[in-house]
Amino acid sequence: PLLTIPIPASGLTVLTQDGRIRRKLTEDALFMEQECIAQVQGRIVQDG
C-alpha cells in the first residue's frame, strides 16, 4: 500500500507490485496532488 489514508477516512487507495509505481509514489509523494473532500462541523474562524 502506498500513500495511505487514515483508518477513519475513505476513498482511493493504491496497492502495487510494480517497482516503477512504487518509486513514483514514493519519490514524488510531496509533489503529487491529492484531492480530498472533508466533511466538517462547527463554525470556521473569520479568516479560516
All heavy atoms as atom14 arrays in JSON, in Angstrom:
{
  "sequence": "PLLTIPIPASGLTVLTQDGRIRRKLTEDALFMEQECIAQVQGRIVQDG",
  "atom14_mask": [
    [1, 1, 1, 1, 1, 1, 1, 0, 0, 0, 0, 0, 0, 0],
    [1, 1, 1, 1, 1, 1, 1, 1, 0, 0, 0, 0, 0, 0],
    [1, 1, 1, 1, 1, 1, 1, 1, 0, 0, 0, 0, 0, 0],
    [1, 1, 1, 1, 1, 1, 1, 0, 0, 0, 0, 0, 0, 0],
    [1, 1, 1, 1, 1, 1, 1, 1, 0, 0, 0, 0, 0, 0],
    [1, 1, 1, 1, 1, 1, 1, 0, 0, 0, 0, 0, 0, 0],
    [1, 1, 1, 1, 1, 1, 1, 1, 0, 0, 0, 0, 0, 0],
    [1, 1, 1, 1, 1, 1, 1, 0, 0, 0, 0, 0, 0, 0],
    [1, 1, 1, 1, 1, 0, 0, 0, 0, 0, 0, 0, 0, 0],
    [1, 1, 1, 1, 1, 1, 0, 0, 0, 0, 0, 0, 0, 0],
    [1, 1, 1, 1, 0, 0, 0, 0, 0, 0, 0, 0, 0, 0],
    [1, 1, 1, 1, 1, 1, 1, 1, 0, 0, 0, 0, 0, 0],
    [1, 1, 1, 1, 1, 1, 1, 0, 0, 0, 0, 0, 0, 0],
    [1, 1, 1, 1, 1, 1, 1, 0, 0, 0, 0, 0, 0, 0],
    [1, 1, 1, 1, 1, 1, 1, 1, 0, 0, 0, 0, 0, 0],
    [1, 1, 1, 1, 1, 1, 1, 0, 0, 0, 0, 0, 0, 0],
    [1, 1, 1, 1, 1, 1, 1, 1, 1, 0, 0, 0, 0, 0],
    [1, 1, 1, 1, 1, 1, 1, 1, 0, 0, 0, 0, 0, 0],
    [1, 1, 1, 1, 0, 0, 0, 0, 0, 0, 0, 0, 0, 0],
    [1, 1, 1, 1, 1, 1, 1, 1, 1, 1, 1, 0, 0, 0],
    [1, 1, 1, 1, 1, 1, 1, 1, 0, 0, 0, 0, 0, 0],
    [1, 1, 1, 1, 1, 1, 1, 1, 1, 1, 1, 0, 0, 0],
    [1, 1, 1, 1, 1, 1, 1, 1, 1, 1, 1, 0, 0, 0],
    [1, 1, 1, 1, 1, 1, 1, 1, 1, 0, 0, 0, 0, 0],
    [1, 1, 1, 1, 1, 1, 1, 1, 0, 0, 0, 0, 0, 0],
    [1, 1, 1, 1, 1, 1, 1, 0, 0, 0, 0, 0, 0, 0],
    [1, 1, 1, 1, 1, 1, 1, 1, 1, 0, 0, 0, 0, 0],
    [1, 1, 1, 1, 1, 1, 1, 1, 0, 0, 0, 0, 0, 0],
    [1, 1, 1, 1, 1, 0, 0, 0, 0, 0, 0, 0, 0, 0],
    [1, 1, 1, 1, 1, 1, 1, 1, 0, 0, 0, 0, 0, 0],
    [1, 1, 1, 1, 1, 1, 1, 1, 1, 1, 1, 0, 0, 0],
    [1, 1, 1, 1, 1, 1, 1, 1, 0, 0, 0, 0, 0, 0],
    [1, 1, 1, 1, 1, 1, 1, 1, 1, 0, 0, 0, 0, 0],
    [1, 1, 1, 1, 1, 1, 1, 1, 1, 0, 0, 0, 0, 0],
    [1, 1, 1, 1, 1, 1, 1, 1, 1, 0, 0, 0, 0, 0],
    [1, 1, 1, 1, 1, 1, 0, 0, 0, 0, 0, 0, 0, 0],
    [1, 1, 1, 1, 1, 1, 1, 1, 0, 0, 0, 0, 0, 0],
    [1, 1, 1, 1, 1, 0, 0, 0, 0, 0, 0, 0, 0, 0],
    [1, 1, 1, 1, 1, 1, 1, 1, 1, 0, 0, 0, 0, 0],
    [1, 1, 1, 1, 1, 1, 1, 0, 0, 0, 0, 0, 0, 0],
    [1, 1, 1, 1, 1, 1, 1, 1, 1, 0, 0, 0, 0, 0],
    [1, 1, 1, 1, 0, 0, 0, 0, 0, 0, 0, 0, 0, 0],
    [1, 1, 1, 1, 1, 1, 1, 1, 1, 1, 1, 0, 0, 0],
    [1, 1, 1, 1, 1, 1, 1, 1, 0, 0, 0, 0, 0, 0],
    [1, 1, 1, 1, 1, 1, 1, 0, 0, 0, 0, 0, 0, 0],
    [1, 1, 1, 1, 1, 1, 1, 1, 1, 0, 0, 0, 0, 0],
    [1, 1, 1, 1, 1, 1, 1, 1, 0, 0, 0, 0, 0, 0],
    [1, 1, 1, 1, 0, 0, 0, 0, 0, 0, 0, 0, 0, 0]
  ],
  "atom14_positions": [
    [[0.83, -1.21, 0.0], [0.0, 0.0, 0.0], [0.87, 1.25, 0.0], [1.88, 1.32, 0.7], [-0.79, -0.12, 1.3], [0.04, -0.99, 2.19], [0.82, -1.91, 1.28], [0.0, 0.0, 0.0], [0.0, 0.0, 0.0], [0.0, 0.0, 0.0], [0.0, 0.0, 0.0], [0.0, 0.0, 0.0], [0.0, 0.0, 0.0], [0.0, 0.0, 0.0]],
    [[0.48, 2.24, -0.8], [1.25, 3.48, -0.93], [0.34, 4.69, -0.68], [-0.85, 4.65, -0.98], [1.86, 3.59, -2.32], [2.85, 2.48, -2.71], [3.19, 2.58, -4.2], [4.11, 2.57, -1.88], [0.0, 0.0, 0.0], [0.0, 0.0, 0.0], [0.0, 0.0, 0.0], [0.0, 0.0, 0.0], [0.0, 0.0, 0.0], [0.0, 0.0, 0.0]],
    [[0.93, 5.76, -0.14], [0.2, 6.99, 0.16], [-1.1, 6.66, 0.89], [-2.2, 7.05, 0.47], [-0.1, 7.77, -1.13], [1.11, 8.32, -1.9], [0.63, 9.07, -3.15], [1.94, 9.24, -1.02], [0.0, 0.0, 0.0], [0.0, 0.0, 0.0], [0.0, 0.0, 0.0], [0.0, 0.0, 0.0], [0.0, 0.0, 0.0], [0.0, 0.0, 0.0]],
    [[-0.98, 5.97, 1.99], [-2.15, 5.52, 2.73], [-2.91, 6.69, 3.35], [-2.36, 7.77, 3.57], [-1.76, 4.54, 3.84], [-0.81, 5.16, 4.71], [-1.15, 3.28, 3.24], [0.0, 0.0, 0.0], [0.0, 0.0, 0.0], [0.0, 0.0, 0.0], [0.0, 0.0, 0.0], [0.0, 0.0, 0.0], [0.0, 0.0, 0.0], [0.0, 0.0, 0.0]],
    [[-4.2, 6.45, 3.61], [-5.04, 7.46, 4.26], [-5.41, 6.94, 5.65], [-5.32, 5.75, 5.92], [-6.31, 7.73, 3.43], [-7.04, 6.43, 3.06], [-5.98, 8.53, 2.19], [-8.31, 6.64, 2.27], [0.0, 0.0, 0.0], [0.0, 0.0, 0.0], [0.0, 0.0, 0.0], [0.0, 0.0, 0.0], [0.0, 0.0, 0.0], [0.0, 0.0, 0.0]],
    [[-5.81, 7.84, 6.54], [-6.16, 7.41, 7.91], [-7.27, 6.36, 7.9], [-8.11, 6.33, 6.99], [-6.63, 8.71, 8.57], [-5.97, 9.81, 7.8], [-5.9, 9.31, 6.38], [0.0, 0.0, 0.0], [0.0, 0.0, 0.0], [0.0, 0.0, 0.0], [0.0, 0.0, 0.0], [0.0, 0.0, 0.0], [0.0, 0.0, 0.0], [0.0, 0.0, 0.0]],
    [[-7.29, 5.52, 8.92], [-8.3, 4.47, 9.01], [-9.72, 5.03, 8.97], [-10.59, 4.46, 8.3], [-8.06, 3.61, 10.28], [-6.75, 2.81, 10.14], [-9.23, 2.66, 10.53], [-6.37, 2.03, 11.37], [0.0, 0.0, 0.0], [0.0, 0.0, 0.0], [0.0, 0.0, 0.0], [0.0, 0.0, 0.0], [0.0, 0.0, 0.0], [0.0, 0.0, 0.0]],
    [[-10.02, 6.16, 9.65], [-11.39, 6.68, 9.59], [-11.77, 7.25, 8.22], [-12.96, 7.53, 7.99], [-11.39, 7.8, 10.65], [-10.22, 7.52, 11.52], [-9.2, 6.91, 10.61], [0.0, 0.0, 0.0], [0.0, 0.0, 0.0], [0.0, 0.0, 0.0], [0.0, 0.0, 0.0], [0.0, 0.0, 0.0], [0.0, 0.0, 0.0], [0.0, 0.0, 0.0]],
    [[-10.8, 7.45, 7.33], [-11.08, 8.04, 6.02], [-11.47, 6.96, 5.02], [-11.19, 5.78, 5.19], [-9.85, 8.79, 5.52], [0.0, 0.0, 0.0], [0.0, 0.0, 0.0], [0.0, 0.0, 0.0], [0.0, 0.0, 0.0], [0.0, 0.0, 0.0], [0.0, 0.0, 0.0], [0.0, 0.0, 0.0], [0.0, 0.0, 0.0], [0.0, 0.0, 0.0]],
    [[-12.12, 7.4, 3.94], [-12.48, 6.52, 2.85], [-11.84, 7.05, 1.57], [-11.27, 8.13, 1.55], [-14.0, 6.43, 2.69], [-14.53, 7.69, 2.3], [0.0, 0.0, 0.0], [0.0, 0.0, 0.0], [0.0, 0.0, 0.0], [0.0, 0.0, 0.0], [0.0, 0.0, 0.0], [0.0, 0.0, 0.0], [0.0, 0.0, 0.0], [0.0, 0.0, 0.0]],
    [[-11.98, 6.28, 0.49], [-11.53, 6.8, -0.79], [-10.44, 5.99, -1.45], [-10.16, 4.84, -1.09], [0.0, 0.0, 0.0], [0.0, 0.0, 0.0], [0.0, 0.0, 0.0], [0.0, 0.0, 0.0], [0.0, 0.0, 0.0], [0.0, 0.0, 0.0], [0.0, 0.0, 0.0], [0.0, 0.0, 0.0], [0.0, 0.0, 0.0], [0.0, 0.0, 0.0]],
    [[-9.8, 6.62, -2.43], [-8.84, 5.96, -3.3], [-7.61, 5.49, -2.53], [-6.94, 6.26, -1.85], [-8.41, 6.93, -4.4], [-7.43, 6.4, -5.45], [-8.02, 5.21, -6.2], [-7.05, 7.51, -6.43], [0.0, 0.0, 0.0], [0.0, 0.0, 0.0], [0.0, 0.0, 0.0], [0.0, 0.0, 0.0], [0.0, 0.0, 0.0], [0.0, 0.0, 0.0]],
    [[-7.32, 4.18, -2.67], [-6.16, 3.57, -2.04], [-5.41, 2.77, -3.1], [-6.02, 2.06, -3.89], [-6.59, 2.64, -0.88], [-7.27, 3.43, 0.11], [-5.39, 1.97, -0.25], [0.0, 0.0, 0.0], [0.0, 0.0, 0.0], [0.0, 0.0, 0.0], [0.0, 0.0, 0.0], [0.0, 0.0, 0.0], [0.0, 0.0, 0.0], [0.0, 0.0, 0.0]],
    [[-4.09, 2.91, -3.1], [-3.25, 2.27, -4.12], [-2.43, 1.15, -3.5], [-1.8, 1.33, -2.46], [-2.3, 3.29, -4.78], [-1.43, 2.61, -5.84], [-3.09, 4.44, -5.4], [0.0, 0.0, 0.0], [0.0, 0.0, 0.0], [0.0, 0.0, 0.0], [0.0, 0.0, 0.0], [0.0, 0.0, 0.0], [0.0, 0.0, 0.0], [0.0, 0.0, 0.0]],
    [[-2.45, -0.02, -4.16], [-1.61, -1.14, -3.76], [-0.88, -1.62, -5.01], [-1.5, -1.76, -6.07], [-2.45, -2.28, -3.18], [-3.38, -1.9, -2.02], [-4.82, -1.84, -2.51], [-3.26, -2.88, -0.87], [0.0, 0.0, 0.0], [0.0, 0.0, 0.0], [0.0, 0.0, 0.0], [0.0, 0.0, 0.0], [0.0, 0.0, 0.0], [0.0, 0.0, 0.0]],
    [[0.41, -1.86, -4.9], [1.16, -2.2, -6.11], [2.23, -3.25, -5.88], [2.79, -3.38, -4.79], [1.78, -0.95, -6.73], [2.25, -1.24, -8.05], [2.95, -0.43, -5.9], [0.0, 0.0, 0.0], [0.0, 0.0, 0.0], [0.0, 0.0, 0.0], [0.0, 0.0, 0.0], [0.0, 0.0, 0.0], [0.0, 0.0, 0.0], [0.0, 0.0, 0.0]],
    [[2.51, -3.99, -6.96], [3.68, -4.88, -7.05], [4.74, -4.28, -7.96], [5.83, -4.81, -8.08], [3.26, -6.23, -7.66], [2.14, -6.97, -6.97], [1.64, -8.13, -7.81], [1.59, -8.05, -9.03], [1.25, -9.22, -7.16], [0.0, 0.0, 0.0], [0.0, 0.0, 0.0], [0.0, 0.0, 0.0], [0.0, 0.0, 0.0], [0.0, 0.0, 0.0]],
    [[4.38, -3.18, -8.6], [5.19, -2.6, -9.67], [6.23, -1.62, -9.09], [5.87, -0.6, -8.48], [4.28, -1.87, -10.66], [4.98, -1.5, -11.95], [6.2, -1.23, -11.92], [4.31, -1.45, -12.99], [0.0, 0.0, 0.0], [0.0, 0.0, 0.0], [0.0, 0.0, 0.0], [0.0, 0.0, 0.0], [0.0, 0.0, 0.0], [0.0, 0.0, 0.0]],
    [[7.5, -1.93, -9.3], [8.56, -1.07, -8.77], [8.52, 0.34, -9.32], [8.86, 1.29, -8.63], [0.0, 0.0, 0.0], [0.0, 0.0, 0.0], [0.0, 0.0, 0.0], [0.0, 0.0, 0.0], [0.0, 0.0, 0.0], [0.0, 0.0, 0.0], [0.0, 0.0, 0.0], [0.0, 0.0, 0.0], [0.0, 0.0, 0.0], [0.0, 0.0, 0.0]],
    [[8.09, 0.5, -10.56], [8.01, 1.84, -11.15], [6.95, 2.67, -10.47], [7.17, 3.86, -10.19], [7.7, 1.73, -12.65], [8.79, 1.05, -13.47], [8.31, 0.77, -14.86], [7.14, -0.11, -14.86], [6.43, -0.44, -15.93], [6.77, 0.08, -17.11], [5.4, -1.25, -15.84], [0.0, 0.0, 0.0], [0.0, 0.0, 0.0], [0.0, 0.0, 0.0]],
    [[5.8, 2.08, -10.17], [4.74, 2.8, -9.46], [5.19, 3.1, -8.04], [4.94, 4.19, -7.51], [3.44, 1.97, -9.44], [2.95, 1.7, -10.87], [2.37, 2.68, -8.63], [2.53, 2.92, -11.64], [0.0, 0.0, 0.0], [0.0, 0.0, 0.0], [0.0, 0.0, 0.0], [0.0, 0.0, 0.0], [0.0, 0.0, 0.0], [0.0, 0.0, 0.0]],
    [[5.86, 2.14, -7.42], [6.35, 2.34, -6.05], [7.3, 3.53, -5.99], [7.19, 4.37, -5.1], [7.05, 1.07, -5.56], [7.49, 1.12, -4.1], [8.21, -0.15, -3.69], [7.34, -1.32, -3.82], [7.48, -2.27, -4.74], [8.47, -2.2, -5.62], [6.66, -3.3, -4.77], [0.0, 0.0, 0.0], [0.0, 0.0, 0.0], [0.0, 0.0, 0.0]],
    [[8.23, 3.6, -6.93], [9.18, 4.72, -6.94], [8.47, 6.04, -7.2], [8.78, 7.06, -6.58], [10.27, 4.48, -8.0], [11.28, 3.42, -7.61], [12.47, 3.41, -8.56], [12.08, 3.04, -9.91], [11.99, 1.79, -10.34], [12.27, 0.79, -9.52], [11.64, 1.52, -11.59], [0.0, 0.0, 0.0], [0.0, 0.0, 0.0], [0.0, 0.0, 0.0]],
    [[7.53, 6.03, -8.13], [6.8, 7.25, -8.48], [6.06, 7.82, -7.28], [6.15, 9.02, -6.98], [5.81, 6.95, -9.61], [4.9, 8.1, -10.0], [5.65, 9.21, -10.69], [4.72, 10.3, -11.18], [5.47, 11.43, -11.79], [0.0, 0.0, 0.0], [0.0, 0.0, 0.0], [0.0, 0.0, 0.0], [0.0, 0.0, 0.0], [0.0, 0.0, 0.0]],
    [[5.33, 6.97, -6.57], [4.51, 7.44, -5.46], [5.31, 7.63, -4.18], [4.79, 8.19, -3.22], [3.35, 6.47, -5.22], [2.34, 6.33, -6.36], [1.13, 5.52, -5.91], [1.89, 7.69, -6.88], [0.0, 0.0, 0.0], [0.0, 0.0, 0.0], [0.0, 0.0, 0.0], [0.0, 0.0, 0.0], [0.0, 0.0, 0.0], [0.0, 0.0, 0.0]],
    [[6.55, 7.18, -4.17], [7.42, 7.4, -3.01], [8.3, 8.62, -3.23], [8.31, 9.55, -2.41], [8.3, 6.16, -2.75], [7.45, 5.03, -2.52], [9.18, 6.37, -1.54], [0.0, 0.0, 0.0], [0.0, 0.0, 0.0], [0.0, 0.0, 0.0], [0.0, 0.0, 0.0], [0.0, 0.0, 0.0], [0.0, 0.0, 0.0], [0.0, 0.0, 0.0]],
    [[9.01, 8.64, -4.34], [9.94, 9.74, -4.6], [9.21, 11.06, -4.9], [9.72, 12.13, -4.59], [10.87, 9.37, -5.75], [11.77, 8.17, -5.44], [12.58, 7.71, -6.65], [12.44, 8.35, -7.72], [13.32, 6.73, -6.53], [0.0, 0.0, 0.0], [0.0, 0.0, 0.0], [0.0, 0.0, 0.0], [0.0, 0.0, 0.0], [0.0, 0.0, 0.0]],
    [[8.05, 10.97, -5.53], [7.31, 12.19, -5.9], [6.14, 12.46, -4.97], [5.24, 13.24, -5.31], [6.79, 12.08, -7.34], [7.91, 12.02, -8.36], [9.06, 12.32, -7.99], [7.64, 11.66, -9.52], [0.0, 0.0, 0.0], [0.0, 0.0, 0.0], [0.0, 0.0, 0.0], [0.0, 0.0, 0.0], [0.0, 0.0, 0.0], [0.0, 0.0, 0.0]],
    [[6.13, 11.84, -3.8], [4.98, 11.95, -2.9], [4.64, 13.4, -2.56], [3.48, 13.8, -2.54], [5.24, 11.16, -1.62], [0.0, 0.0, 0.0], [0.0, 0.0, 0.0], [0.0, 0.0, 0.0], [0.0, 0.0, 0.0], [0.0, 0.0, 0.0], [0.0, 0.0, 0.0], [0.0, 0.0, 0.0], [0.0, 0.0, 0.0], [0.0, 0.0, 0.0]],
    [[5.65, 14.22, -2.31], [5.42, 15.61, -1.91], [4.95, 16.47, -3.07], [4.4, 17.56, -2.86], [6.68, 16.2, -1.28], [7.08, 15.64, 0.09], [8.41, 16.23, 0.53], [6.01, 15.93, 1.12], [0.0, 0.0, 0.0], [0.0, 0.0, 0.0], [0.0, 0.0, 0.0], [0.0, 0.0, 0.0], [0.0, 0.0, 0.0], [0.0, 0.0, 0.0]],
    [[5.17, 16.0, -4.3], [4.79, 16.8, -5.47], [3.49, 16.29, -6.11], [2.98, 16.9, -7.05], [5.92, 16.77, -6.51], [7.26, 17.13, -5.94], [8.19, 16.14, -5.63], [7.58, 18.45, -5.69], [9.43, 16.49, -5.09], [8.82, 18.79, -5.15], [9.73, 17.81, -4.85], [0.0, 0.0, 0.0], [0.0, 0.0, 0.0], [0.0, 0.0, 0.0]],
    [[2.98, 15.18, -5.58], [1.78, 14.57, -6.13], [0.54, 15.22, -5.5], [0.36, 15.18, -4.29], [1.78, 13.07, -5.83], [0.7, 12.28, -6.53], [1.1, 11.89, -8.23], [2.59, 10.93, -8.03], [0.0, 0.0, 0.0], [0.0, 0.0, 0.0], [0.0, 0.0, 0.0], [0.0, 0.0, 0.0], [0.0, 0.0, 0.0], [0.0, 0.0, 0.0]],
    [[-0.3, 15.83, -6.32], [-1.51, 16.46, -5.78], [-2.54, 15.4, -5.43], [-2.79, 14.48, -6.2], [-2.1, 17.45, -6.79], [-3.27, 18.24, -6.2], [-3.79, 19.32, -7.13], [-4.57, 18.98, -8.05], [-3.42, 20.49, -6.94], [0.0, 0.0, 0.0], [0.0, 0.0, 0.0], [0.0, 0.0, 0.0], [0.0, 0.0, 0.0], [0.0, 0.0, 0.0]],
    [[-3.12, 15.56, -4.25], [-4.19, 14.67, -3.8], [-5.43, 15.51, -3.52], [-5.36, 16.53, -2.84], [-3.78, 13.92, -2.53], [-2.53, 13.08, -2.68], [-2.22, 12.29, -1.43], [-3.07, 11.58, -0.89], [-0.99, 12.4, -0.95], [0.0, 0.0, 0.0], [0.0, 0.0, 0.0], [0.0, 0.0, 0.0], [0.0, 0.0, 0.0], [0.0, 0.0, 0.0]],
    [[-6.55, 15.06, -4.05], [-7.81, 15.78, -3.84], [-8.67, 15.04, -2.83], [-8.92, 13.85, -2.97], [-8.56, 15.92, -5.16], [-9.85, 16.71, -5.03], [-10.59, 16.84, -6.35], [-10.03, 16.45, -7.4], [-11.74, 17.33, -6.34], [0.0, 0.0, 0.0], [0.0, 0.0, 0.0], [0.0, 0.0, 0.0], [0.0, 0.0, 0.0], [0.0, 0.0, 0.0]],
    [[-9.1, 15.77, -1.8], [-9.9, 15.18, -0.73], [-11.11, 16.06, -0.44], [-11.05, 17.29, -0.58], [-9.08, 15.02, 0.55], [-7.66, 13.91, 0.43], [0.0, 0.0, 0.0], [0.0, 0.0, 0.0], [0.0, 0.0, 0.0], [0.0, 0.0, 0.0], [0.0, 0.0, 0.0], [0.0, 0.0, 0.0], [0.0, 0.0, 0.0], [0.0, 0.0, 0.0]],
    [[-12.18, 15.43, 0.0], [-13.35, 16.14, 0.47], [-13.46, 15.89, 1.97], [-13.51, 14.74, 2.42], [-14.64, 15.68, -0.23], [-14.56, 15.96, -1.72], [-15.87, 16.35, 0.39], [-14.47, 17.43, -2.08], [0.0, 0.0, 0.0], [0.0, 0.0, 0.0], [0.0, 0.0, 0.0], [0.0, 0.0, 0.0], [0.0, 0.0, 0.0], [0.0, 0.0, 0.0]],
    [[-13.48, 16.98, 2.75], [-13.57, 16.89, 4.19], [-14.96, 17.3, 4.65], [-15.43, 18.39, 4.32], [-12.51, 17.78, 4.85], [0.0, 0.0, 0.0], [0.0, 0.0, 0.0], [0.0, 0.0, 0.0], [0.0, 0.0, 0.0], [0.0, 0.0, 0.0], [0.0, 0.0, 0.0], [0.0, 0.0, 0.0], [0.0, 0.0, 0.0], [0.0, 0.0, 0.0]],
    [[-15.61, 16.43, 5.38], [-16.89, 16.78, 5.99], [-16.6, 17.36, 7.37], [-15.94, 16.73, 8.2], [-17.78, 15.54, 6.11], [-19.16, 15.84, 6.7], [-20.0, 14.59, 6.86], [-19.59, 13.5, 6.48], [-21.19, 14.74, 7.43], [0.0, 0.0, 0.0], [0.0, 0.0, 0.0], [0.0, 0.0, 0.0], [0.0, 0.0, 0.0], [0.0, 0.0, 0.0]],
    [[-17.08, 18.57, 7.6], [-16.74, 19.28, 8.83], [-18.0, 19.79, 9.52], [-19.06, 19.93, 8.9], [-15.79, 20.46, 8.54], [-14.46, 19.96, 8.0], [-16.42, 21.45, 7.56], [0.0, 0.0, 0.0], [0.0, 0.0, 0.0], [0.0, 0.0, 0.0], [0.0, 0.0, 0.0], [0.0, 0.0, 0.0], [0.0, 0.0, 0.0], [0.0, 0.0, 0.0]],
    [[-17.84, 20.08, 10.78], [-18.91, 20.74, 11.53], [-18.28, 21.76, 12.46], [-17.1, 21.69, 12.78], [-19.74, 19.72, 12.3], [-19.0, 18.93, 13.36], [-19.88, 17.87, 14.01], [-20.89, 17.45, 13.46], [-19.5, 17.44, 15.2], [0.0, 0.0, 0.0], [0.0, 0.0, 0.0], [0.0, 0.0, 0.0], [0.0, 0.0, 0.0], [0.0, 0.0, 0.0]],
    [[-19.09, 22.71, 12.89], [-18.58, 23.79, 13.72], [-18.62, 25.1, 12.95], [-19.14, 25.18, 11.84], [0.0, 0.0, 0.0], [0.0, 0.0, 0.0], [0.0, 0.0, 0.0], [0.0, 0.0, 0.0], [0.0, 0.0, 0.0], [0.0, 0.0, 0.0], [0.0, 0.0, 0.0], [0.0, 0.0, 0.0], [0.0, 0.0, 0.0], [0.0, 0.0, 0.0]],
    [[-18.02, 26.11, 13.53], [-18.02, 27.44, 12.94], [-16.58, 27.85, 12.62], [-15.75, 27.94, 13.52], [-18.65, 28.46, 13.9], [-18.98, 29.8, 13.27], [-19.67, 30.7, 14.29], [-20.26, 31.85, 13.65], [-21.47, 31.86, 13.11], [-22.21, 30.76, 13.13], [-21.96, 32.96, 12.55], [0.0, 0.0, 0.0], [0.0, 0.0, 0.0], [0.0, 0.0, 0.0]],
    [[-16.29, 28.05, 11.37], [-14.94, 28.42, 10.97], [-14.62, 29.84, 11.42], [-15.5, 30.72, 11.41], [-14.77, 28.28, 9.44], [-13.29, 28.35, 9.04], [-15.6, 29.31, 8.7], [-13.04, 27.96, 7.59], [0.0, 0.0, 0.0], [0.0, 0.0, 0.0], [0.0, 0.0, 0.0], [0.0, 0.0, 0.0], [0.0, 0.0, 0.0], [0.0, 0.0, 0.0]],
    [[-13.39, 30.08, 11.85], [-12.99, 31.43, 12.28], [-13.01, 32.37, 11.08], [-13.05, 31.94, 9.93], [-11.59, 31.4, 12.93], [-11.59, 30.51, 14.18], [-10.54, 30.92, 11.95], [0.0, 0.0, 0.0], [0.0, 0.0, 0.0], [0.0, 0.0, 0.0], [0.0, 0.0, 0.0], [0.0, 0.0, 0.0], [0.0, 0.0, 0.0], [0.0, 0.0, 0.0]],
    [[-12.99, 33.66, 11.36], [-13.21, 34.67, 10.32], [-12.29, 34.52, 9.12], [-12.71, 34.59, 7.97], [-13.07, 36.07, 10.92], [-13.42, 37.18, 9.93], [-13.43, 38.54, 10.6], [-13.21, 38.66, 11.8], [-13.69, 39.58, 9.82], [0.0, 0.0, 0.0], [0.0, 0.0, 0.0], [0.0, 0.0, 0.0], [0.0, 0.0, 0.0], [0.0, 0.0, 0.0]],
    [[-11.01, 34.32, 9.36], [-10.06, 34.19, 8.26], [-9.63, 32.74, 8.05], [-8.56, 32.46, 7.51], [-8.83, 35.07, 8.52], [-8.09, 34.67, 9.8], [-8.69, 33.93, 10.63], [-6.93, 35.07, 9.97], [0.0, 0.0, 0.0], [0.0, 0.0, 0.0], [0.0, 0.0, 0.0], [0.0, 0.0, 0.0], [0.0, 0.0, 0.0], [0.0, 0.0, 0.0]],
    [[-10.49, 31.79, 8.47], [-10.14, 30.38, 8.47], [-9.82, 29.81, 7.1], [-8.83, 29.08, 6.93], [0.0, 0.0, 0.0], [0.0, 0.0, 0.0], [0.0, 0.0, 0.0], [0.0, 0.0, 0.0], [0.0, 0.0, 0.0], [0.0, 0.0, 0.0], [0.0, 0.0, 0.0], [0.0, 0.0, 0.0], [0.0, 0.0, 0.0], [0.0, 0.0, 0.0]]
  ]
}
